[in-house]
Protein backbone atom coordinates (compact mmCIF):
# COMPACT_ATOMS: atom_id res chain seq x y z
CA MET A 1 0.00 0.00 0.00
CA LYS A 2 2.84 2.40 0.91
CA ILE A 3 4.53 1.67 -2.43
CA LEU A 4 1.29 2.49 -4.30
CA ILE A 5 0.94 5.81 -2.45
CA ILE A 6 4.57 6.71 -3.23
CA VAL A 7 4.04 5.93 -6.94
CA ILE A 8 0.90 8.11 -7.07
CA VAL A 9 2.65 11.04 -5.34
CA LEU A 10 5.62 10.81 -7.74
CA ALA A 11 3.26 10.77 -10.73
CA ILE A 12 1.48 13.91 -9.47
CA VAL A 13 4.82 15.70 -8.95
CA ILE A 14 6.03 14.79 -12.46
CA ILE A 15 2.78 16.02 -14.05
CA ALA A 16 2.95 19.30 -12.10
CA LEU A 17 6.57 19.93 -13.08
CA SER A 18 5.81 19.25 -16.77
CA ALA A 19 2.94 21.75 -16.70
CA CYS A 20 5.20 24.42 -15.19
CA VAL A 21 7.84 23.93 -17.88
CA ARG A 22 5.26 24.20 -20.66
CA LYS A 23 3.75 27.35 -19.16
CA LYS A 24 7.14 29.02 -18.76
CA GLY A 25 8.11 28.41 -22.39
CA ALA A 26 4.79 29.33 -23.98
CA LYS A 27 3.69 32.81 -25.03
CA GLU A 28 0.44 34.26 -23.83
CA PRO A 29 -2.23 34.15 -26.59
CA SER A 30 -2.30 37.96 -26.91
CA GLU A 31 1.52 38.11 -27.05
CA ALA A 32 1.68 35.47 -29.76
CA ALA A 33 -1.05 37.19 -31.77
CA ALA A 34 0.72 40.54 -31.55
CA ALA A 35 3.99 39.01 -32.72
CA GLY A 36 2.24 37.27 -35.60
CA SER A 37 0.42 40.40 -36.78
CA ALA A 38 3.66 42.37 -37.16
CA ALA A 39 5.82 39.59 -38.58
CA GLY A 40 6.78 40.18 -42.21
CA ARG A 41 4.61 43.28 -42.65
CA ALA A 42 5.29 46.95 -43.11
CA ARG A 43 3.63 49.24 -40.57
CA LEU A 44 2.51 52.85 -40.62
CA PHE A 45 2.40 54.97 -37.47
CA TYR A 46 0.40 58.22 -37.48
CA LEU A 47 2.27 60.80 -35.45
CA GLY A 48 -0.52 63.33 -35.88
CA HIS A 49 -1.30 66.38 -38.07
CA GLY A 50 0.68 65.77 -41.30
CA SER A 51 3.40 63.54 -39.86
CA LEU A 52 3.79 59.83 -40.60
CA ARG A 53 6.30 57.06 -39.96
CA ILE A 54 6.59 53.89 -42.03
CA THR A 55 8.63 50.90 -40.91
CA THR A 56 9.22 48.46 -43.74
CA LYS A 57 9.19 44.72 -43.20
CA GLU A 58 12.99 44.83 -43.49
CA GLY A 59 13.10 47.34 -40.64
CA LYS A 60 13.84 50.47 -42.66
CA VAL A 61 12.36 53.59 -41.04
CA ILE A 62 10.83 56.39 -43.12
CA TYR A 63 9.58 59.69 -41.66
CA ILE A 64 7.27 61.85 -43.75
CA ASP A 65 6.86 65.54 -42.88
CA PRO A 66 8.27 65.31 -39.35
CA TYR A 67 6.76 67.84 -36.96
CA ALA A 68 3.83 66.50 -34.94
CA GLY A 69 3.92 64.02 -32.08
CA LYS A 70 6.84 62.87 -29.97
CA ASP A 71 7.71 59.34 -31.10
CA TYR A 72 10.85 59.93 -33.17
CA LYS A 73 12.96 57.35 -31.33
CA LYS A 74 13.49 54.97 -34.24
CA PRO A 75 16.65 55.87 -36.19
CA ALA A 76 15.73 57.14 -39.66
CA ASP A 77 16.79 55.62 -42.95
CA LEU A 78 14.82 58.17 -44.97
CA ILE A 79 13.16 61.52 -44.29
CA LEU A 80 10.70 62.97 -46.80
CA VAL A 81 9.45 66.57 -46.76
CA THR A 82 6.59 67.73 -49.00
CA HIS A 83 7.18 71.49 -48.66
CA GLY A 84 8.89 74.14 -46.58
CA HIS A 85 6.21 75.17 -44.08
CA PRO A 86 7.38 74.66 -40.48
CA ASP A 87 4.59 72.19 -39.64
CA HIS A 88 5.97 69.79 -42.26
CA ASN A 89 9.68 70.49 -42.17
CA ALA A 90 10.91 69.96 -38.59
CA ILE A 91 13.72 67.67 -39.65
CA GLU A 92 15.60 68.44 -36.45
CA LYS A 93 13.05 66.38 -34.50
CA VAL A 94 14.53 63.27 -36.09
CA GLU A 95 17.68 63.30 -34.00
CA LYS A 96 18.49 59.62 -34.49
CA ARG A 97 19.54 58.82 -38.04
CA LYS A 98 21.33 55.91 -39.65
CA PRO A 99 24.80 56.79 -41.05
CA ASP A 100 23.42 56.58 -44.59
CA CYS A 101 20.12 58.32 -43.81
CA ARG A 102 18.81 60.16 -46.85
CA ILE A 103 16.75 63.35 -46.80
CA ILE A 104 14.54 64.13 -49.79
CA THR A 105 12.72 67.44 -49.65
CA TRP A 106 10.52 69.15 -52.21
CA LYS A 107 13.70 70.74 -53.59
CA GLU A 108 15.27 67.43 -54.59
CA ALA A 109 11.86 66.08 -55.62
CA LEU A 110 11.35 69.02 -58.03
CA LYS A 111 14.88 69.18 -59.41
CA GLY A 112 14.92 71.01 -62.74
CA GLY A 113 11.20 71.62 -62.46
CA ILE A 114 10.53 67.93 -63.04
CA ARG A 115 8.99 65.62 -60.43
CA GLN A 116 11.57 63.00 -59.61
CA THR A 117 11.44 59.31 -58.77
CA PHE A 118 13.91 57.75 -56.31
CA ASP A 119 14.55 54.01 -56.27
CA LEU A 120 16.14 53.25 -52.91
CA GLY A 121 15.76 49.49 -53.04
CA TYR A 122 13.64 49.18 -49.92
CA VAL A 123 11.15 51.75 -51.29
CA MET A 124 10.34 53.55 -54.53
CA VAL A 125 9.51 57.21 -53.89
CA GLU A 126 7.70 59.16 -56.58
CA ALA A 127 6.96 62.87 -56.33
CA VAL A 128 3.50 63.90 -57.51
CA GLU A 129 1.62 67.18 -57.81
CA ALA A 130 0.53 69.17 -54.76
CA GLY A 131 -0.53 72.76 -54.22
CA TYR A 132 -3.11 74.51 -56.39
CA ASN A 133 -4.31 76.85 -53.66
CA PRO A 134 -3.32 80.36 -52.47
CA ASN A 135 -1.21 78.97 -49.62
CA HIS A 136 0.70 76.32 -51.59
CA ASN A 137 2.44 76.86 -54.90
CA VAL A 138 2.51 73.80 -57.14
CA LYS A 139 6.11 74.71 -58.02
CA GLU A 140 7.17 74.49 -54.37
CA CYS A 141 5.15 71.53 -53.10
CA VAL A 142 4.89 67.81 -53.76
CA GLY A 143 2.99 64.80 -52.61
CA PHE A 144 4.60 61.37 -52.56
CA ILE A 145 3.71 57.87 -53.66
CA LEU A 146 5.77 55.25 -51.83
CA THR A 147 5.83 51.72 -53.22
CA LEU A 148 7.36 48.96 -51.11
CA PRO A 149 9.04 45.86 -52.59
CA GLU A 150 6.03 43.68 -51.72
CA GLY A 151 3.87 45.96 -53.87
CA VAL A 152 2.08 47.95 -51.15
CA SER A 153 1.65 51.59 -52.17
CA VAL A 154 0.97 54.67 -50.03
CA TYR A 155 -0.03 58.07 -51.40
CA VAL A 156 0.56 61.10 -49.18
CA SER A 157 -1.10 64.23 -50.57
CA GLY A 158 0.90 66.81 -48.65
CA ASP A 159 -0.75 70.23 -48.40
CA THR A 160 -2.92 70.66 -51.47
CA SER A 161 -6.24 71.12 -53.12
CA ARG A 162 -7.37 69.07 -56.11
CA THR A 163 -4.55 68.60 -58.61
CA LYS A 164 -4.57 67.97 -62.34
CA GLN A 165 -2.70 64.70 -61.80
CA MET A 166 -5.18 63.08 -59.39
CA PRO A 167 -7.47 61.45 -62.02
CA SER A 168 -4.48 59.63 -63.54
CA LEU A 169 -3.52 58.19 -60.13
CA ALA A 170 -6.51 55.84 -60.36
CA GLU A 171 -4.44 53.75 -62.78
CA ARG A 172 -1.96 53.07 -60.00
CA ASN A 173 -4.36 51.01 -57.84
CA ILE A 174 -3.01 52.66 -54.70
CA ASP A 175 -3.52 50.76 -51.44
CA TYR A 176 -3.50 53.61 -48.89
CA ALA A 177 -4.11 57.30 -49.60
CA PHE A 178 -3.80 60.17 -47.13
CA PHE A 179 -5.72 63.36 -47.94
CA CYS A 180 -5.32 66.67 -46.13
CA CYS A 181 -8.72 68.19 -45.37
CA ASP A 182 -8.36 71.15 -42.97
CA GLY A 183 -10.49 73.50 -45.08
CA LYS A 184 -8.47 76.52 -43.98
CA TYR A 185 -5.09 76.33 -45.66
CA ASN A 186 -6.04 73.53 -48.05
CA MET A 187 -9.09 71.75 -49.39
CA GLY A 188 -11.84 70.87 -46.93
CA PRO A 189 -13.34 67.44 -46.28
CA GLU A 190 -15.88 67.64 -49.12
CA GLU A 191 -13.26 68.40 -51.79
CA ALA A 192 -10.88 65.87 -50.22
CA ALA A 193 -13.59 63.19 -50.51
CA GLU A 194 -14.03 64.08 -54.18
CA CYS A 195 -10.28 63.73 -54.66
CA ALA A 196 -10.40 60.35 -52.95
CA SER A 197 -13.03 59.24 -55.45
CA LEU A 198 -10.73 60.33 -58.27
CA VAL A 199 -7.68 58.52 -56.91
CA GLY A 200 -9.66 55.38 -56.07
CA ALA A 201 -7.40 53.92 -53.38
CA LYS A 202 -8.38 50.83 -51.41
CA HIS A 203 -8.17 52.81 -48.15
CA ASN A 204 -8.73 56.57 -47.95
CA ILE A 205 -7.46 58.24 -44.78
CA PRO A 206 -8.05 61.85 -43.67
CA TYR A 207 -5.14 63.70 -42.07
CA HIS A 208 -3.98 67.29 -41.52
CA MET A 209 -7.59 67.98 -40.59
CA ALA A 210 -7.42 70.59 -37.83
CA PRO A 211 -4.57 73.14 -37.69
CA GLY A 212 -3.02 73.17 -34.24
CA ALA A 213 -4.32 69.70 -33.33
CA LEU A 214 -2.79 66.28 -33.76
CA PHE A 215 -6.16 64.76 -34.63
CA ASP A 216 -9.85 65.70 -34.64
CA ARG A 217 -12.30 62.83 -34.94
CA SER A 218 -15.31 65.00 -35.70
CA ALA A 219 -13.38 66.62 -38.56
CA ALA A 220 -12.21 63.22 -39.77
CA GLU A 221 -15.77 61.93 -39.90
CA LYS A 222 -16.72 64.79 -42.24
CA PHE A 223 -14.41 63.20 -44.80
CA ASP A 224 -17.17 61.17 -46.45
CA ALA A 225 -15.02 59.27 -48.92
CA PRO A 226 -15.47 55.74 -50.26
CA ASN A 227 -13.40 53.13 -48.42
CA ARG A 228 -12.74 55.58 -45.61
CA MET A 229 -10.36 54.53 -42.86
CA ILE A 230 -9.93 56.77 -39.83
CA VAL A 231 -6.55 56.52 -38.11
CA ALA A 232 -6.04 58.52 -34.90
CA ASP A 233 -2.75 60.00 -33.77
CA GLY A 234 -0.64 57.41 -31.98
CA GLU A 235 -2.30 54.58 -33.91
CA GLU A 236 -0.32 52.10 -36.00
CA ILE A 237 -1.67 50.02 -38.87
CA ASP A 238 -0.33 47.10 -40.88
CA LEU A 239 0.27 47.90 -44.56
CA VAL A 240 -1.07 45.00 -46.62
CA LYS A 241 -2.19 44.47 -50.20
């Protein structure tokens, strides 16, 4: 009888120890899901106002119009600037930069009066029209289309009203499109929604919607575009086809 009791106790101990080992080595379900969602995908972080950060699936970091928000901790591989206004051109906020970090402003993008394309390997950057309003000269402003190696494309309008080029962008089958819509210095939400219909992206995102604010949900909801996606400041999304 004593032998039987000893055997049972030993079996219980062994089972308990095995359970502890499995628990220690396993990830929590939420942790595993979070790791899986980010694995092998590019991500876009909205810093607020007109500022964006893209991290490619290879880990390259791209800042677009740095100014708003505080999360500039990731060392930059590329900094893009659509025009010279201070709320789009605070390059000094990106203090951490890779040794080969490249900066492409509207000046380089409009070299010789021609909108340039830059093939950097980890991203293709194409300058497109922006401006066409009293506050933004088309000769001193650009938007950008970024195309990642996996084929995901992101259009960033910069400060603008409707441009002559927008209807032709529909041929590009853009995945994500950001449209300014403040209605004070640029087009308002109604015109921005019309532009979104012209461009025809899979996801249309309002930004630069309230001067002086990182984000304004009520203003964002006035952007009544097809395939609308609202992204708040501090929010990060996966970039997928």
